[in-house]
């Protein structure tokens, strides 16, 4: 658990971030090699000062994030934006937990890479061909079903 007590009282959060992130080498520094500020709890200062209160805050954040992720998991099979809710729950956890912050950052990087790959003309052509082939196969199966049974639902079929 990161209680935020390891920060010095005289240094502000903005100064710490500017000192660590901006301290990279000049010329050609990439985002992967720059040091990032350590994860700090987003809880209000009066909560971070009291260990019991901060622990309660973290338990509350964990429960809220878990509820949002659970709702997102349910929305994967029910109507609703399931993945959006799952990522929102992960973002809620990332406000308090360093591990969730790392997972969220890794996920953002992977989604960005996948979006860039999807924009590649070869990949787009392949995806269009696969989608078209799948639609033709589905159409053929539906056509066969309608030819064989007509407009009859599968659970209403008699011995034919």
C-alpha atoms as a PDB file:
ATOM      1  CA  UNK A   1       0.000   0.000   0.000  1.00  0.00           C
ATOM      2  CA  UNK A   2       1.250   3.399  -0.861  1.00  0.00           C
ATOM      3  CA  UNK A   3       0.279   5.833   1.856  1.00  0.00           C
ATOM      4  CA  UNK A   4       2.040   8.775   0.288  1.00  0.00           C
ATOM      5  CA  UNK A   5       3.968   9.400   3.521  1.00  0.00           C
ATOM      6  CA  UNK A   6       7.288   8.946   1.721  1.00  0.00           C
ATOM      7  CA  UNK A   7       6.942  12.383   0.119  1.00  0.00           C
ATOM      8  CA  UNK A   8       8.739  15.255   1.753  1.00  0.00           C
ATOM      9  CA  UNK A   9       6.469  17.942   3.200  1.00  0.00           C
ATOM     10  CA  UNK A  10       8.360  20.821   1.563  1.00  0.00           C
ATOM     11  CA  UNK A  11       8.185  19.579  -2.039  1.00  0.00           C
ATOM     12  CA  UNK A  12       4.971  19.937  -3.975  1.00  0.00           C
ATOM     13  CA  UNK A  13       3.612  17.185  -6.181  1.00  0.00           C
ATOM     14  CA  UNK A  14       4.052  19.322  -9.322  1.00  0.00           C
ATOM     15  CA  UNK A  15       7.720  19.971  -8.490  1.00  0.00           C
ATOM     16  CA  UNK A  16       8.327  16.251  -7.987  1.00  0.00           C
ATOM     17  CA  UNK A  17       6.692  15.352 -11.283  1.00  0.00           C
ATOM     18  CA  UNK A  18       8.562  18.060 -13.203  1.00  0.00           C
ATOM     19  CA  UNK A  19      11.872  17.045 -11.637  1.00  0.00           C
ATOM     20  CA  UNK A  20      11.531  13.338 -12.402  1.00  0.00           C
ATOM     21  CA  UNK A  21       9.817  13.376 -15.791  1.00  0.00           C
ATOM     22  CA  UNK A  22      11.665  16.357 -17.222  1.00  0.00           C
ATOM     23  CA  UNK A  23      15.049  15.099 -16.087  1.00  0.00           C
ATOM     24  CA  UNK A  24      15.647  12.871 -19.137  1.00  0.00           C
ATOM     25  CA  UNK A  25      18.638  13.159 -21.394  1.00  0.00           C
ATOM     26  CA  UNK A  26      18.591  15.797 -24.087  1.00  0.00           C
ATOM     27  CA  UNK A  27      17.906  14.736 -27.650  1.00  0.00           C
ATOM     28  CA  UNK A  28      16.064  11.598 -28.724  1.00  0.00           C
ATOM     29  CA  UNK A  29      14.623  10.602 -25.375  1.00  0.00           C
ATOM     30  CA  UNK A  30      11.616   8.305 -25.797  1.00  0.00           C
ATOM     31  CA  UNK A  31       8.655   7.823 -23.485  1.00  0.00           C
ATOM     32  CA  UNK A  32       9.881   4.339 -22.575  1.00  0.00           C
ATOM     33  CA  UNK A  33      13.213   5.526 -21.156  1.00  0.00           C
ATOM     34  CA  UNK A  34      11.968   8.512 -19.172  1.00  0.00           C
ATOM     35  CA  UNK A  35      11.450   7.971 -15.480  1.00  0.00           C
ATOM     36  CA  UNK A  36       7.939   8.537 -14.240  1.00  0.00           C
ATOM     37  CA  UNK A  37       6.862   9.902 -10.925  1.00  0.00           C
ATOM     38  CA  UNK A  38       6.043   7.177  -8.398  1.00  0.00           C
ATOM     39  CA  UNK A  39       2.394   6.337  -7.981  1.00  0.00           C
ATOM     40  CA  UNK A  40       0.810   8.489  -5.297  1.00  0.00           C
ATOM     41  CA  UNK A  41      -2.615   7.997  -3.765  1.00  0.00           C
ATOM     42  CA  UNK A  42      -5.285  10.401  -5.025  1.00  0.00           C
ATOM     43  CA  UNK A  43      -7.015  10.463  -1.641  1.00  0.00           C
ATOM     44  CA  UNK A  44      -7.453  13.876   0.023  1.00  0.00           C
ATOM     45  CA  UNK A  45      -4.598  14.902   2.329  1.00  0.00           C
ATOM     46  CA  UNK A  46      -6.654  14.671   5.531  1.00  0.00           C
ATOM     47  CA  UNK A  47      -7.397  11.028   4.683  1.00  0.00           C
ATOM     48  CA  UNK A  48      -3.788  10.192   3.841  1.00  0.00           C
ATOM     49  CA  UNK A  49      -2.606  11.571   7.196  1.00  0.00           C
ATOM     50  CA  UNK A  50      -4.550   8.952   9.164  1.00  0.00           C
ATOM     51  CA  UNK A  51      -3.545   5.370   8.420  1.00  0.00           C
ATOM     52  CA  UNK A  52      -6.855   3.795   9.469  1.00  0.00           C
ATOM     53  CA  UNK A  53      -8.859   6.301   7.463  1.00  0.00           C
ATOM     54  CA  UNK A  54      -6.604   5.828   4.435  1.00  0.00           C
ATOM     55  CA  UNK A  55      -6.923   2.053   4.654  1.00  0.00           C
ATOM     56  CA  UNK A  56     -10.707   2.443   4.802  1.00  0.00           C
ATOM     57  CA  UNK A  57     -10.524   4.743   1.767  1.00  0.00           C
ATOM     58  CA  UNK A  58      -8.534   2.143  -0.155  1.00  0.00           C
ATOM     59  CA  UNK A  59     -10.984  -0.622   0.774  1.00  0.00           C
ATOM     60  CA  UNK A  60     -13.823   1.605  -0.441  1.00  0.00           C
ATOM     61  CA  UNK A  61     -12.031   2.353  -3.718  1.00  0.00           C
ATOM     62  CA  UNK A  62     -11.358  -1.362  -4.178  1.00  0.00           C
ATOM     63  CA  UNK A  63     -15.020  -2.256  -3.605  1.00  0.00           C
ATOM     64  CA  UNK A  64     -16.289   0.466  -5.965  1.00  0.00           C
ATOM     65  CA  UNK A  65     -13.786  -0.580  -8.650  1.00  0.00           C
ATOM     66  CA  UNK A  66     -14.716  -4.226  -8.176  1.00  0.00           C
ATOM     67  CA  UNK A  67     -18.418  -3.383  -8.550  1.00  0.00           C
ATOM     68  CA  UNK A  68     -17.767  -1.465 -11.772  1.00  0.00           C
ATOM     69  CA  UNK A  69     -15.612  -4.284 -13.157  1.00  0.00           C
ATOM     70  CA  UNK A  70     -18.261  -6.829 -12.146  1.00  0.00           C
ATOM     71  CA  UNK A  71     -20.933  -4.796 -13.931  1.00  0.00           C
ATOM     72  CA  UNK A  72     -18.650  -4.608 -16.974  1.00  0.00           C
ATOM     73  CA  UNK A  73     -18.146  -8.361 -16.938  1.00  0.00           C
ATOM     74  CA  UNK A  74     -21.916  -8.827 -16.817  1.00  0.00           C
ATOM     75  CA  UNK A  75     -22.298  -6.389 -19.710  1.00  0.00           C
ATOM     76  CA  UNK A  76     -20.015  -8.547 -21.840  1.00  0.00           C
ATOM     77  CA  UNK A  77     -22.945 -10.954 -22.198  1.00  0.00           C
ATOM     78  CA  UNK A  78     -25.775  -8.499 -21.486  1.00  0.00           C
ATOM     79  CA  UNK A  79     -26.502  -5.284 -23.382  1.00  0.00           C
ATOM     80  CA  UNK A  80     -24.146  -2.496 -22.459  1.00  0.00           C
ATOM     81  CA  UNK A  81     -20.594  -1.215 -22.859  1.00  0.00           C
ATOM     82  CA  UNK A  82     -18.816  -4.041 -21.037  1.00  0.00           C
ATOM     83  CA  UNK A  83     -15.213  -3.261 -21.946  1.00  0.00           C
ATOM     84  CA  UNK A  84     -15.692   0.436 -21.226  1.00  0.00           C
ATOM     85  CA  UNK A  85     -16.973  -0.399 -17.740  1.00  0.00           C
ATOM     86  CA  UNK A  86     -14.095  -2.816 -17.122  1.00  0.00           C
ATOM     87  CA  UNK A  87     -11.531  -0.184 -18.091  1.00  0.00           C
ATOM     88  CA  UNK A  88     -13.384   2.401 -15.968  1.00  0.00           C
ATOM     89  CA  UNK A  89     -13.161   0.080 -12.961  1.00  0.00           C
ATOM     90  CA  UNK A  90      -9.468  -0.406 -13.622  1.00  0.00           C
ATOM     91  CA  UNK A  91      -9.051   3.381 -13.779  1.00  0.00           C
ATOM     92  CA  UNK A  92     -10.829   3.668 -10.422  1.00  0.00           C
ATOM     93  CA  UNK A  93      -8.400   1.152  -8.942  1.00  0.00           C
ATOM     94  CA  UNK A  94      -5.467   2.994 -10.540  1.00  0.00           C
ATOM     95  CA  UNK A  95      -6.199   6.057  -8.401  1.00  0.00           C
ATOM     96  CA  UNK A  96      -5.077   4.132  -5.323  1.00  0.00           C
ATOM     97  CA  UNK A  97      -3.096   1.071  -6.331  1.00  0.00           C
ATOM     98  CA  UNK A  98       0.227   1.111  -8.180  1.00  0.00           C
ATOM     99  CA  UNK A  99      -0.338  -2.364  -9.686  1.00  0.00           C
ATOM    100  CA  UNK A 100      -3.611  -1.214 -11.271  1.00  0.00           C
ATOM    101  CA  UNK A 101      -1.863   1.882 -12.615  1.00  0.00           C
ATOM    102  CA  UNK A 102       0.746  -0.335 -14.293  1.00  0.00           C
ATOM    103  CA  UNK A 103      -1.914  -2.658 -15.732  1.00  0.00           C
ATOM    104  CA  UNK A 104      -3.905   0.312 -17.052  1.00  0.00           C
ATOM    105  CA  UNK A 105      -0.806   1.829 -18.667  1.00  0.00           C
ATOM    106  CA  UNK A 106       0.093  -1.545 -20.262  1.00  0.00           C
ATOM    107  CA  UNK A 107      -3.486  -1.916 -21.536  1.00  0.00           C
ATOM    108  CA  UNK A 108      -3.494   1.577 -23.048  1.00  0.00           C
ATOM    109  CA  UNK A 109      -0.227   0.814 -24.838  1.00  0.00           C
ATOM    110  CA  UNK A 110      -1.554  -2.495 -26.217  1.00  0.00           C
ATOM    111  CA  UNK A 111      -4.827  -0.904 -27.390  1.00  0.00           C
ATOM    112  CA  UNK A 112      -2.881   1.869 -29.151  1.00  0.00           C
ATOM    113  CA  UNK A 113      -0.640  -0.710 -30.849  1.00  0.00           C
ATOM    114  CA  UNK A 114      -3.690  -2.735 -31.958  1.00  0.00           C
ATOM    115  CA  UNK A 115      -5.334   0.401 -33.362  1.00  0.00           C
ATOM    116  CA  UNK A 116      -2.189   1.200 -35.335  1.00  0.00           C
ATOM    117  CA  UNK A 117      -2.012  -2.366 -36.680  1.00  0.00           C
ATOM    118  CA  UNK A 118      -5.690  -2.234 -37.661  1.00  0.00           C
ATOM    119  CA  UNK A 119      -4.991   0.850 -39.788  1.00  0.00           C
ATOM    120  CA  UNK A 120      -2.360  -1.037 -41.813  1.00  0.00           C
ATOM    121  CA  UNK A 121      -3.737  -1.503 -45.376  1.00  0.00           C
ATOM    122  CA  UNK A 122      -2.769  -5.198 -45.492  1.00  0.00           C
ATOM    123  CA  UNK A 123      -4.489  -5.915 -42.192  1.00  0.00           C
ATOM    124  CA  UNK A 124      -7.581  -3.945 -43.223  1.00  0.00           C
ATOM    125  CA  UNK A 125      -7.774  -5.883 -46.510  1.00  0.00           C
ATOM    126  CA  UNK A 126      -7.423  -9.185 -44.653  1.00  0.00           C
ATOM    127  CA  UNK A 127     -10.105  -8.183 -42.149  1.00  0.00           C
ATOM    128  CA  UNK A 128     -12.472  -7.153 -44.946  1.00  0.00           C
ATOM    129  CA  UNK A 129     -11.919 -10.449 -46.763  1.00  0.00           C
ATOM    130  CA  UNK A 130     -12.484 -12.468 -43.565  1.00  0.00           C
ATOM    131  CA  UNK A 131     -15.625 -10.480 -42.734  1.00  0.00           C
ATOM    132  CA  UNK A 132     -16.981 -10.900 -46.255  1.00  0.00           C
ATOM    133  CA  UNK A 133     -16.261 -14.629 -46.209  1.00  0.00           C
ATOM    134  CA  UNK A 134     -17.957 -14.981 -42.830  1.00  0.00           C
ATOM    135  CA  UNK A 135     -21.027 -13.099 -44.074  1.00  0.00           C
ATOM    136  CA  UNK A 136     -21.242 -15.300 -47.193  1.00  0.00           C
ATOM    137  CA  UNK A 137     -21.014 -18.477 -45.070  1.00  0.00           C
ATOM    138  CA  UNK A 138     -23.626 -17.163 -42.621  1.00  0.00           C
ATOM    139  CA  UNK A 139     -25.903 -16.211 -45.520  1.00  0.00           C
ATOM    140  CA  UNK A 140     -25.525 -19.665 -47.046  1.00  0.00           C
ATOM    141  CA  UNK A 141     -26.364 -21.348 -43.736  1.00  0.00           C
ATOM    142  CA  UNK A 142     -29.402 -19.127 -43.214  1.00  0.00           C
ATOM    143  CA  UNK A 143     -30.505 -19.731 -46.789  1.00  0.00           C
ATOM    144  CA  UNK A 144     -30.172 -23.500 -46.357  1.00  0.00           C
ATOM    145  CA  UNK A 145     -32.172 -23.388 -43.128  1.00  0.00           C
ATOM    146  CA  UNK A 146     -34.933 -21.327 -44.752  1.00  0.00           C
ATOM    147  CA  UNK A 147     -34.990 -23.668 -47.796  1.00  0.00           C
ATOM    148  CA  UNK A 148     -35.166 -26.778 -45.615  1.00  0.00           C
ATOM    149  CA  UNK A 149     -37.532 -25.631 -42.834  1.00  0.00           C
ATOM    150  CA  UNK A 150     -39.060 -22.331 -43.937  1.00  0.00           C
ATOM    151  CA  UNK A 151     -39.632 -19.602 -41.386  1.00  0.00           C
ATOM    152  CA  UNK A 152     -39.874 -21.976 -38.420  1.00  0.00           C
ATOM    153  CA  UNK A 153     -37.953 -21.449 -35.221  1.00  0.00           C
ATOM    154  CA  UNK A 154     -35.710 -24.368 -34.218  1.00  0.00           C
ATOM    155  CA  UNK A 155     -37.615 -25.084 -30.993  1.00  0.00           C
ATOM    156  CA  UNK A 156     -40.898 -25.360 -32.930  1.00  0.00           C
ATOM    157  CA  UNK A 157     -39.626 -28.064 -35.308  1.00  0.00           C
ATOM    158  CA  UNK A 158     -41.558 -31.312 -35.413  1.00  0.00           C
ATOM    159  CA  UNK A 159     -40.111 -34.569 -36.713  1.00  0.00           C
ATOM    160  CA  UNK A 160     -39.556 -33.801 -40.385  1.00  0.00           C
END
